Amino acid sequence: MIELNQLDKRFKKSHALQSVSLKIELDGKLYGLVGPNGSGKTTLISILSRFLSSDSGSISGIQKDTLGSFVGNESFMDHLTVQEWLEFLQVLKNLKTDESTVSELLALLKLDEEADKKIKSLSYGQKQRLGIISAIMGKPKLVIFDEPLNGLDPSGVFLFKKALTWLIDQKISVLYSSHRLDDLANYCNHLFLLNKGKLLFDGDFETFLKLGNGNIEESYHSLVL
């Protein structure tokens, strides 16, 4: 389990997180993270990913191989082929990834025929899918997705759903940050809602929907407006 306890973060003009505490089970559960712009979602993800430190509070349960993340607009070495890039990441991050897993994911996300092509020749959507493979091929205990559907066409969205299914089958938990309420409702078991740096909801979707008499938008706006 990953546990965040009383996380607090201030920037010059904002109180980005205010005593945020939450728990994430590492057993293949899908957690949604939602909130208005400026709610603290990006700050929370950055602290959880160890890209940013909190001013106070603590995080427990994270080891070197615990996290994988895909936040969109990934940076690649475009002169490498897809296969070379994935091999480079395995060495760089010391990932214990077997060749069969990489082959399985390339086929799952329909990049197996692009494996020997240079990354610079890929479309935007293909690069997004490569970013997803990069995040999950090491089989971390938790994968963080931040607006993962941006730039994906209907086929890309369909393949992303397949990736989620693969993660759950592997008992890998997911923290899925998005503004798309319907997507979160379709995919996630549990919801965290942030607003103005405060955690206003932490519970299952059935409980969340009761806040708006079964209407997801009513439930959301009952907390943020």
Protein backbone atom coordinates (compact mmCIF):
# COMPACT_ATOMS: atom_id res chain seq x y z
CA MET A 1 0.00 0.00 0.00
CA ILE A 2 1.07 3.56 -0.74
CA GLU A 3 0.02 6.01 1.94
CA LEU A 4 0.15 9.80 1.72
CA ASN A 5 -0.12 11.45 5.10
CA GLN A 6 -0.89 15.16 5.58
CA LEU A 7 0.93 16.33 2.43
CA ASP A 8 1.26 20.10 2.23
CA LYS A 9 2.78 22.17 -0.56
CA ARG A 10 2.93 25.91 -1.07
CA PHE A 11 4.15 27.95 -4.00
CA LYS A 12 4.65 31.71 -3.94
CA LYS A 13 1.05 32.59 -4.75
CA SER A 14 -0.84 29.41 -3.99
CA HIS A 15 -1.40 26.70 -1.43
CA ALA A 16 -1.29 23.80 -3.87
CA LEU A 17 -1.94 20.97 -1.38
CA GLN A 18 -3.49 21.32 2.04
CA SER A 19 -2.97 18.39 4.41
CA VAL A 20 -3.86 15.75 1.80
CA SER A 21 -4.02 12.17 3.07
CA LEU A 22 -4.99 9.13 1.00
CA LYS A 23 -4.22 5.46 0.49
CA ILE A 24 -3.66 3.46 -2.70
CA GLU A 25 -3.86 -0.32 -2.57
CA LEU A 26 -1.38 -2.10 -4.84
CA ASP A 27 -3.68 -4.93 -5.89
CA GLY A 28 -4.91 -4.05 -9.37
CA LYS A 29 -7.44 -1.36 -8.48
CA LEU A 30 -8.17 1.66 -10.72
CA TYR A 31 -8.20 5.00 -8.91
CA GLY A 32 -9.52 8.15 -10.55
CA LEU A 33 -8.14 11.61 -9.77
CA VAL A 34 -10.26 14.58 -10.76
CA GLY A 35 -10.59 18.28 -10.01
CA PRO A 36 -10.76 21.71 -11.67
CA ASN A 37 -7.69 23.39 -13.14
CA GLY A 38 -5.48 24.52 -10.27
CA SER A 39 -6.94 21.96 -7.87
CA GLY A 40 -3.56 20.40 -7.05
CA LYS A 41 -3.72 17.27 -9.23
CA THR A 42 -0.44 17.93 -11.05
CA THR A 43 1.31 18.84 -7.80
CA LEU A 44 0.06 15.64 -6.18
CA ILE A 45 1.23 13.52 -9.11
CA SER A 46 4.62 15.28 -9.15
CA ILE A 47 5.15 14.60 -5.45
CA LEU A 48 3.98 11.01 -5.75
CA SER A 49 6.37 10.52 -8.70
CA ARG A 50 9.23 12.09 -6.70
CA PHE A 51 9.67 14.92 -9.20
CA LEU A 52 8.72 17.40 -6.48
CA SER A 53 9.02 17.38 -2.70
CA SER A 54 6.29 18.37 -0.28
CA ASP A 55 6.80 21.05 2.36
CA SER A 56 5.49 18.72 5.04
CA GLY A 57 3.82 15.36 5.42
CA SER A 58 5.05 11.92 4.40
CA ILE A 59 4.72 9.17 1.79
CA SER A 60 5.23 5.50 2.57
CA GLY A 61 5.17 2.36 0.46
CA ILE A 62 7.15 3.56 -2.56
CA GLN A 63 10.25 1.64 -3.57
CA LYS A 64 12.49 2.03 -6.61
CA ASP A 65 10.37 -0.24 -8.80
CA THR A 66 6.95 0.80 -7.45
CA LEU A 67 5.95 3.48 -9.96
CA GLY A 68 5.53 3.88 -13.70
CA SER A 69 4.05 7.02 -15.22
CA PHE A 70 2.68 8.37 -18.46
CA VAL A 71 1.86 12.08 -18.47
CA GLY A 72 1.53 12.69 -22.23
CA ASN A 73 3.88 14.49 -24.61
CA GLU A 74 6.67 12.11 -23.68
CA SER A 75 10.23 12.88 -24.77
CA PHE A 76 11.93 10.25 -26.90
CA MET A 77 15.26 9.83 -28.65
CA ASP A 78 13.76 10.13 -32.12
CA HIS A 79 16.82 8.70 -33.87
CA LEU A 80 16.30 5.34 -32.15
CA THR A 81 13.94 2.67 -33.36
CA VAL A 82 11.01 1.65 -31.18
CA GLN A 83 12.82 -1.54 -30.15
CA GLU A 84 16.07 0.32 -29.42
CA TRP A 85 14.21 2.85 -27.28
CA LEU A 86 12.57 0.16 -25.16
CA GLU A 87 15.90 -1.63 -24.74
CA PHE A 88 17.53 1.68 -23.74
CA LEU A 89 14.86 2.26 -21.08
CA GLN A 90 15.36 -1.20 -19.66
CA VAL A 91 19.06 -0.45 -19.10
CA LEU A 92 18.52 3.15 -17.95
CA LYS A 93 15.89 2.23 -15.35
CA ASN A 94 17.30 -1.21 -14.58
CA LEU A 95 13.95 -2.78 -15.44
CA LYS A 96 13.56 -6.51 -15.03
CA THR A 97 11.54 -6.88 -18.22
CA ASP A 98 11.62 -10.07 -20.25
CA GLU A 99 11.49 -10.01 -24.03
CA SER A 100 8.11 -11.77 -24.11
CA THR A 101 6.47 -8.95 -22.11
CA VAL A 102 7.81 -6.30 -24.49
CA SER A 103 6.63 -8.31 -27.50
CA GLU A 104 3.21 -8.81 -25.89
CA LEU A 105 2.77 -5.08 -25.26
CA LEU A 106 3.96 -4.09 -28.73
CA ALA A 107 1.35 -6.45 -30.20
CA LEU A 108 -1.35 -5.34 -27.73
CA LEU A 109 -0.90 -1.67 -28.66
CA LYS A 110 -0.40 -2.42 -32.36
CA LEU A 111 3.21 -1.27 -32.55
CA ASP A 112 4.75 -4.64 -33.33
CA GLU A 113 5.01 -3.77 -37.02
CA GLU A 114 6.70 -0.47 -36.12
CA ALA A 115 9.34 -2.03 -33.83
CA ASP A 116 12.18 -1.51 -36.33
CA LYS A 117 11.08 1.96 -37.41
CA LYS A 118 12.68 5.12 -36.08
CA ILE A 119 10.56 6.96 -33.52
CA LYS A 120 10.69 10.15 -35.59
CA SER A 121 8.64 8.39 -38.27
CA LEU A 122 5.76 7.56 -35.90
CA SER A 123 2.50 9.47 -35.76
CA TYR A 124 1.54 11.39 -32.63
CA GLY A 125 -0.90 8.68 -31.59
CA GLN A 126 1.73 5.98 -32.08
CA LYS A 127 4.15 7.93 -29.90
CA GLN A 128 1.48 8.17 -27.22
CA ARG A 129 1.08 4.40 -27.33
CA LEU A 130 4.85 3.96 -27.14
CA GLY A 131 4.81 6.18 -24.05
CA ILE A 132 2.23 3.90 -22.47
CA ILE A 133 4.38 0.83 -23.17
CA SER A 134 7.40 2.64 -21.71
CA ALA A 135 5.46 3.25 -18.50
CA ILE A 136 4.09 -0.25 -17.98
CA MET A 137 6.61 -2.72 -19.44
CA GLY A 138 8.53 -2.97 -16.15
CA LYS A 139 5.36 -4.14 -14.40
CA PRO A 140 5.47 -1.54 -11.61
CA LYS A 141 3.06 -1.84 -8.71
CA LEU A 142 1.34 1.45 -9.63
CA VAL A 143 1.04 3.25 -12.98
CA ILE A 144 0.10 6.93 -13.09
CA PHE A 145 -1.74 8.18 -16.17
CA ASP A 146 -2.31 11.93 -16.59
CA GLU A 147 -4.85 12.66 -19.36
CA PRO A 148 -3.75 9.55 -21.29
CA LEU A 149 -6.41 9.89 -24.01
CA ASN A 150 -5.17 13.25 -25.30
CA GLY A 151 -4.26 12.92 -28.96
CA LEU A 152 -5.63 9.41 -29.32
CA ASP A 153 -8.11 8.62 -32.08
CA PRO A 154 -10.95 6.11 -31.46
CA SER A 155 -8.63 3.20 -32.25
CA GLY A 156 -6.05 4.56 -29.84
CA VAL A 157 -8.68 4.89 -27.10
CA PHE A 158 -9.77 1.30 -27.76
CA LEU A 159 -6.16 0.11 -27.44
CA PHE A 160 -5.69 2.11 -24.24
CA LYS A 161 -8.64 0.23 -22.74
CA LYS A 162 -6.86 -3.00 -23.65
CA ALA A 163 -3.76 -1.74 -21.83
CA LEU A 164 -5.87 -1.07 -18.73
CA THR A 165 -7.25 -4.58 -18.88
CA TRP A 166 -3.70 -5.95 -19.16
CA LEU A 167 -2.66 -3.96 -16.09
CA ILE A 168 -5.56 -5.24 -14.02
CA ASP A 169 -4.83 -8.81 -15.12
CA GLN A 170 -1.26 -8.27 -13.86
CA LYS A 171 -2.62 -6.92 -10.51
CA ILE A 172 -1.05 -3.53 -11.24
CA SER A 173 -2.94 -0.58 -9.76
CA VAL A 174 -3.61 2.61 -11.74
CA LEU A 175 -3.99 6.25 -10.74
CA TYR A 176 -5.84 7.87 -13.63
CA SER A 177 -6.01 11.67 -13.66
CA SER A 178 -8.48 13.21 -16.10
CA HIS A 179 -11.07 15.93 -16.62
CA ARG A 180 -13.30 13.42 -18.40
CA LEU A 181 -15.79 12.33 -15.77
CA ASP A 182 -17.39 9.68 -17.96
CA ASP A 183 -14.03 8.03 -18.61
CA LEU A 184 -13.28 7.89 -14.91
CA ALA A 185 -16.72 6.43 -14.21
CA ASN A 186 -16.21 3.78 -16.90
CA TYR A 187 -12.74 2.72 -15.82
CA CYS A 188 -12.22 3.42 -12.13
CA ASN A 189 -13.31 1.71 -8.93
CA HIS A 190 -12.41 4.56 -6.60
CA LEU A 191 -12.30 8.35 -6.90
CA PHE A 192 -10.20 11.11 -5.38
CA LEU A 193 -11.51 14.66 -5.95
CA LEU A 194 -9.30 17.65 -5.27
CA ASN A 195 -10.33 21.30 -5.21
CA LYS A 196 -8.16 24.24 -4.17
CA GLY A 197 -5.59 21.88 -2.73
CA LYS A 198 -8.02 19.99 -0.51
CA LEU A 199 -9.16 16.38 -0.86
CA LEU A 200 -12.95 16.73 -0.92
CA PHE A 201 -13.90 13.16 -1.84
CA ASP A 202 -12.22 9.81 -1.29
CA GLY A 203 -14.49 6.86 -1.98
CA ASP A 204 -16.15 4.55 -4.48
CA PHE A 205 -18.16 5.76 -7.47
CA GLU A 206 -21.46 4.49 -6.13
CA THR A 207 -21.09 6.77 -3.11
CA PHE A 208 -19.94 9.65 -5.32
CA LEU A 209 -22.98 9.37 -7.60
CA LYS A 210 -25.33 9.58 -4.61
CA LEU A 211 -24.14 13.15 -4.10
CA GLY A 212 -25.92 14.13 -7.33
CA ASN A 213 -28.84 11.69 -7.30
CA GLY A 214 -27.09 9.43 -9.79
CA ASN A 215 -25.86 12.21 -12.09
CA ILE A 216 -22.08 12.34 -12.32
CA GLU A 217 -21.91 16.02 -13.30
CA GLU A 218 -24.26 17.01 -10.48
CA SER A 219 -22.13 15.01 -8.06
CA TYR A 220 -18.96 16.72 -9.27
CA HIS A 221 -20.33 20.25 -9.17
CA SER A 222 -21.91 19.76 -5.77
CA LEU A 223 -18.33 19.61 -4.45
CA VAL A 224 -16.41 22.11 -6.59
CA LEU A 225 -18.87 25.00 -6.99
